[in-house]
Amino acid sequence: MTLAFEQIVDTVMQLPPEQQDILADLLKGWRIEARRREIARDANDSLNAYRAGKLKVKSASAIINQLHESAEDK
């Protein structure tokens, strides 16, 4: 895989700057779409868990405190 990646990078470096820009825009768009699909999948999983009664109801302040504690642990 590394060799293939290095070959791809070498090939991209040989492209004219305009084509490199087009490729960069394409890659960015693909990554954005992939992330949107991931977020939608996570949201759907969360809704299904909520509907199945698998999520506990918490206040916003409890969730914020939990996030702060989680950030401090890292």
N, C-alpha and C. Protein backbone atom coordinates (compact mmCIF):
# COMPACT_ATOMS: atom_id res chain seq x y z
N MET A 1 0.83 -1.20 0.00
CA MET A 1 0.00 0.00 0.00
C MET A 1 0.87 1.25 0.00
N THR A 2 1.94 1.24 0.77
CA THR A 2 2.80 2.42 0.85
C THR A 2 3.39 2.73 -0.51
N LEU A 3 3.84 1.71 -1.22
CA LEU A 3 4.44 1.93 -2.53
C LEU A 3 3.40 2.54 -3.48
N ALA A 4 2.19 2.01 -3.45
CA ALA A 4 1.13 2.56 -4.31
C ALA A 4 0.86 4.01 -3.94
N PHE A 5 0.83 4.31 -2.65
CA PHE A 5 0.59 5.69 -2.21
C PHE A 5 1.70 6.60 -2.69
N GLU A 6 2.94 6.16 -2.55
CA GLU A 6 4.08 6.96 -3.01
C GLU A 6 4.01 7.18 -4.52
N GLN A 7 3.59 6.17 -5.25
CA GLN A 7 3.44 6.32 -6.70
C GLN A 7 2.36 7.34 -7.03
N ILE A 8 1.29 7.30 -6.28
CA ILE A 8 0.20 8.25 -6.51
C ILE A 8 0.69 9.67 -6.23
N VAL A 9 1.38 9.85 -5.13
CA VAL A 9 1.91 11.18 -4.79
C VAL A 9 2.86 11.66 -5.87
N ASP A 10 3.75 10.78 -6.32
CA ASP A 10 4.68 11.16 -7.39
C ASP A 10 3.94 11.56 -8.66
N THR A 11 2.90 10.82 -8.99
CA THR A 11 2.11 11.13 -10.19
C THR A 11 1.41 12.47 -10.04
N VAL A 12 0.83 12.71 -8.86
CA VAL A 12 0.13 13.98 -8.63
C VAL A 12 1.11 15.15 -8.71
N MET A 13 2.30 14.96 -8.19
CA MET A 13 3.30 16.02 -8.23
C MET A 13 3.70 16.38 -9.67
N GLN A 14 3.51 15.47 -10.60
CA GLN A 14 3.85 15.73 -12.00
C GLN A 14 2.72 16.43 -12.75
N LEU A 15 1.56 16.50 -12.14
CA LEU A 15 0.43 17.19 -12.78
C LEU A 15 0.66 18.69 -12.77
N PRO A 16 0.07 19.38 -13.75
CA PRO A 16 0.13 20.85 -13.71
C PRO A 16 -0.61 21.37 -12.48
N PRO A 17 -0.23 22.54 -11.99
CA PRO A 17 -0.86 23.09 -10.79
C PRO A 17 -2.39 23.15 -10.86
N GLU A 18 -2.93 23.47 -12.01
CA GLU A 18 -4.39 23.57 -12.14
C GLU A 18 -5.04 22.21 -11.88
N GLN A 19 -4.45 21.15 -12.42
CA GLN A 19 -5.00 19.82 -12.21
C GLN A 19 -4.81 19.37 -10.76
N GLN A 20 -3.72 19.77 -10.14
CA GLN A 20 -3.52 19.47 -8.72
C GLN A 20 -4.61 20.14 -7.89
N ASP A 21 -4.95 21.38 -8.25
CA ASP A 21 -6.02 22.10 -7.54
C ASP A 21 -7.36 21.40 -7.71
N ILE A 22 -7.65 20.96 -8.93
CA ILE A 22 -8.90 20.24 -9.20
C ILE A 22 -8.95 18.96 -8.37
N LEU A 23 -7.85 18.23 -8.35
CA LEU A 23 -7.79 16.99 -7.58
C LEU A 23 -7.96 17.27 -6.09
N ALA A 24 -7.33 18.32 -5.60
CA ALA A 24 -7.48 18.69 -4.18
C ALA A 24 -8.94 19.01 -3.86
N ASP A 25 -9.61 19.73 -4.75
CA ASP A 25 -11.03 20.06 -4.55
C ASP A 25 -11.89 18.80 -4.55
N LEU A 26 -11.59 17.88 -5.46
CA LEU A 26 -12.33 16.62 -5.51
C LEU A 26 -12.14 15.83 -4.22
N LEU A 27 -10.90 15.71 -3.78
CA LEU A 27 -10.62 14.97 -2.54
C LEU A 27 -11.33 15.60 -1.35
N LYS A 28 -11.29 16.91 -1.27
CA LYS A 28 -11.95 17.60 -0.17
C LYS A 28 -13.46 17.34 -0.20
N GLY A 29 -14.04 17.41 -1.39
CA GLY A 29 -15.47 17.14 -1.53
C GLY A 29 -15.82 15.72 -1.14
N TRP A 30 -15.01 14.77 -1.55
CA TRP A 30 -15.25 13.37 -1.19
C TRP A 30 -15.17 13.16 0.31
N ARG A 31 -14.20 13.79 0.97
CA ARG A 31 -14.05 13.66 2.41
C ARG A 31 -15.23 14.29 3.14
N ILE A 32 -15.69 15.44 2.63
CA ILE A 32 -16.85 16.10 3.24
C ILE A 32 -18.08 15.21 3.14
N GLU A 33 -18.31 14.63 1.97
CA GLU A 33 -19.46 13.75 1.78
C GLU A 33 -19.37 12.51 2.65
N ALA A 34 -18.18 11.94 2.75
CA ALA A 34 -17.99 10.76 3.60
C ALA A 34 -18.30 11.11 5.06
N ARG A 35 -17.85 12.27 5.50
CA ARG A 35 -18.10 12.70 6.88
C ARG A 35 -19.60 12.95 7.10
N ARG A 36 -20.26 13.52 6.12
CA ARG A 36 -21.71 13.74 6.23
C ARG A 36 -22.45 12.41 6.36
N ARG A 37 -22.03 11.42 5.57
CA ARG A 37 -22.66 10.10 5.66
C ARG A 37 -22.42 9.48 7.04
N GLU A 38 -21.21 9.66 7.56
CA GLU A 38 -20.89 9.14 8.89
C GLU A 38 -21.75 9.81 9.97
N ILE A 39 -21.90 11.12 9.88
CA ILE A 39 -22.72 11.85 10.85
C ILE A 39 -24.18 11.41 10.74
N ALA A 40 -24.68 11.25 9.52
CA ALA A 40 -26.07 10.80 9.33
C ALA A 40 -26.27 9.40 9.89
N ARG A 41 -25.29 8.53 9.68
CA ARG A 41 -25.37 7.16 10.21
C ARG A 41 -25.38 7.19 11.74
N ASP A 42 -24.50 8.00 12.34
CA ASP A 42 -24.46 8.12 13.80
C ASP A 42 -25.78 8.68 14.34
N ALA A 43 -26.33 9.68 13.65
CA ALA A 43 -27.60 10.27 14.09
C ALA A 43 -28.72 9.24 14.01
N ASN A 44 -28.74 8.47 12.94
CA ASN A 44 -29.75 7.43 12.77
C ASN A 44 -29.62 6.36 13.86
N ASP A 45 -28.38 5.96 14.15
CA ASP A 45 -28.15 4.98 15.22
C ASP A 45 -28.63 5.53 16.56
N SER A 46 -28.37 6.81 16.81
CA SER A 46 -28.80 7.43 18.07
C SER A 46 -30.32 7.50 18.16
N LEU A 47 -30.97 7.86 17.06
CA LEU A 47 -32.43 7.90 17.06
C LEU A 47 -33.02 6.52 17.30
N ASN A 48 -32.44 5.51 16.68
CA ASN A 48 -32.93 4.14 16.89
C ASN A 48 -32.74 3.72 18.34
N ALA A 49 -31.60 4.07 18.93
CA ALA A 49 -31.35 3.73 20.33
C ALA A 49 -32.34 4.47 21.24
N TYR A 50 -32.61 5.73 20.91
CA TYR A 50 -33.58 6.52 21.69
C TYR A 50 -34.97 5.89 21.61
N ARG A 51 -35.37 5.56 20.40
CA ARG A 51 -36.70 4.97 20.20
C ARG A 51 -36.83 3.61 20.89
N ALA A 52 -35.71 2.89 20.98
CA ALA A 52 -35.71 1.57 21.63
C ALA A 52 -35.58 1.69 23.14
N GLY A 53 -35.48 2.94 23.66
CA GLY A 53 -35.38 3.14 25.09
C GLY A 53 -34.01 2.83 25.66
N LYS A 54 -32.99 2.85 24.82
CA LYS A 54 -31.63 2.51 25.27
C LYS A 54 -30.82 3.72 25.71
N LEU A 55 -31.38 4.91 25.60
CA LEU A 55 -30.67 6.12 26.01
C LEU A 55 -31.33 6.69 27.26
N LYS A 56 -30.48 7.15 28.17
CA LYS A 56 -30.99 7.77 29.39
C LYS A 56 -31.22 9.26 29.13
N VAL A 57 -32.26 9.79 29.72
CA VAL A 57 -32.54 11.22 29.63
C VAL A 57 -31.61 11.94 30.59
N LYS A 58 -30.93 12.98 30.09
CA LYS A 58 -30.02 13.77 30.92
C LYS A 58 -30.26 15.24 30.63
N SER A 59 -29.99 16.04 31.63
CA SER A 59 -30.11 17.48 31.42
C SER A 59 -28.91 17.97 30.61
N ALA A 60 -29.06 19.13 30.01
CA ALA A 60 -27.97 19.71 29.23
C ALA A 60 -26.76 19.95 30.12
N SER A 61 -26.96 20.41 31.34
CA SER A 61 -25.83 20.69 32.23
C SER A 61 -25.10 19.41 32.60
N ALA A 62 -25.82 18.30 32.76
CA ALA A 62 -25.17 17.02 33.07
C ALA A 62 -24.31 16.56 31.89
N ILE A 63 -24.81 16.75 30.70
CA ILE A 63 -24.04 16.37 29.51
C ILE A 63 -22.81 17.25 29.37
N ILE A 64 -22.97 18.54 29.61
CA ILE A 64 -21.83 19.46 29.53
C ILE A 64 -20.77 19.09 30.56
N ASN A 65 -21.20 18.78 31.78
CA ASN A 65 -20.26 18.36 32.81
C ASN A 65 -19.53 17.08 32.40
N GLN A 66 -20.26 16.17 31.82
CA GLN A 66 -19.66 14.91 31.36
C GLN A 66 -18.63 15.19 30.26
N LEU A 67 -18.93 16.10 29.36
CA LEU A 67 -17.98 16.47 28.31
C LEU A 67 -16.73 17.11 28.90
N HIS A 68 -16.90 17.98 29.88
CA HIS A 68 -15.75 18.61 30.54
C HIS A 68 -14.88 17.55 31.22
N GLU A 69 -15.51 16.62 31.90
CA GLU A 69 -14.76 15.56 32.58
C GLU A 69 -14.01 14.70 31.56
N SER A 70 -14.66 14.41 30.46
CA SER A 70 -14.03 13.61 29.42
C SER A 70 -12.83 14.34 28.82
N ALA A 71 -12.96 15.66 28.63
CA ALA A 71 -11.86 16.45 28.07
C ALA A 71 -10.69 16.52 29.05
N GLU A 72 -10.98 16.57 30.34
CA GLU A 72 -9.93 16.64 31.34
C GLU A 72 -9.17 15.32 31.45
N ASP A 73 -9.82 14.22 31.15
CA ASP A 73 -9.17 12.91 31.22
C ASP A 73 -8.15 12.70 30.11
N LYS A 74 -8.22 13.48 29.07
CA LYS A 74 -7.34 13.27 27.91
C LYS A 74 -6.08 14.05 28.01
